Structure formats: C-alpha cells, structure tokens
C-alpha cells in the first residue's frame, strides 16, 4: 500500500540522512535491515547476542 511504501522511505531517510553521514555503507545497511525486521528481535535478544 502507499502507506507502507511511505514508511519504508521514511525509515531509509532516517537511516541514510545527514545525521548518519559518517557511518559506513555496511553500517547503514545493517541499521536499515534491523529496522525493517524489527518484529524478529528485541532488546533481550540483542543483549544475549553481545
């Protein structure tokens, strides 16, 4: 739907925008992947992974 597409573009803007200018391309890709797949992980899983 149009709303879904707009949300994805909004996430991409926040990930690739000026506030993320100094991040590497790989870091930006990882952040976007995690944002898009948020339903598959939570803070506890991240904590256990570290």
Protein backbone atom coordinates (compact mmCIF):
# COMPACT_ATOMS: atom_id res chain seq x y z
CA UNK A 1 0.00 0.00 0.00
CA UNK A 2 1.00 3.62 -0.29
CA UNK A 3 1.30 3.98 3.50
CA UNK A 4 3.69 1.03 3.70
CA UNK A 5 5.89 2.47 0.96
CA UNK A 6 5.98 5.84 2.71
CA UNK A 7 7.03 4.19 5.99
CA UNK A 8 9.90 2.40 4.24
CA UNK A 9 11.07 5.62 2.60
CA UNK A 10 10.83 7.38 5.95
CA UNK A 11 12.99 4.68 7.58
CA UNK A 12 15.51 4.96 4.76
CA UNK A 13 15.66 8.76 5.15
CA UNK A 14 16.33 8.46 8.88
CA UNK A 15 18.95 5.77 8.28
CA UNK A 16 20.72 7.39 5.33
CA UNK A 17 20.07 11.04 6.20
CA UNK A 18 22.56 13.69 7.23
CA UNK A 19 22.57 12.56 10.86
CA UNK A 20 24.10 9.26 9.67
CA UNK A 21 26.61 10.84 7.28
CA UNK A 22 29.71 9.42 8.99
CA UNK A 23 28.51 5.79 9.05
CA UNK A 24 29.89 3.28 6.58
CA UNK A 25 27.64 1.84 3.89
CA UNK A 26 27.71 -1.52 5.69
CA UNK A 27 26.59 0.05 8.99
CA UNK A 28 23.74 1.88 7.23
CA UNK A 29 22.64 -1.35 5.57
CA UNK A 30 22.65 -3.18 8.93
CA UNK A 31 20.60 -0.44 10.61
CA UNK A 32 18.02 -0.47 7.82
CA UNK A 33 17.84 -4.28 7.92
CA UNK A 34 17.24 -4.23 11.68
CA UNK A 35 14.57 -1.52 11.39
CA UNK A 36 12.69 -3.35 8.63
CA UNK A 37 12.88 -6.66 10.53
CA UNK A 38 12.08 -5.22 13.98
CA UNK A 39 9.40 -7.84 14.64
CA UNK A 40 12.06 -10.58 14.69
CA UNK A 41 14.22 -9.20 17.52
CA UNK A 42 14.02 -7.32 20.79
CA UNK A 43 16.40 -5.77 23.33
CA UNK A 44 16.72 -9.06 25.23
CA UNK A 45 17.89 -10.94 22.13
CA UNK A 46 20.43 -8.22 21.37
CA UNK A 47 21.68 -8.34 24.97
CA UNK A 48 22.07 -12.13 24.80
CA UNK A 49 23.93 -11.84 21.48
CA UNK A 50 26.56 -9.49 22.85
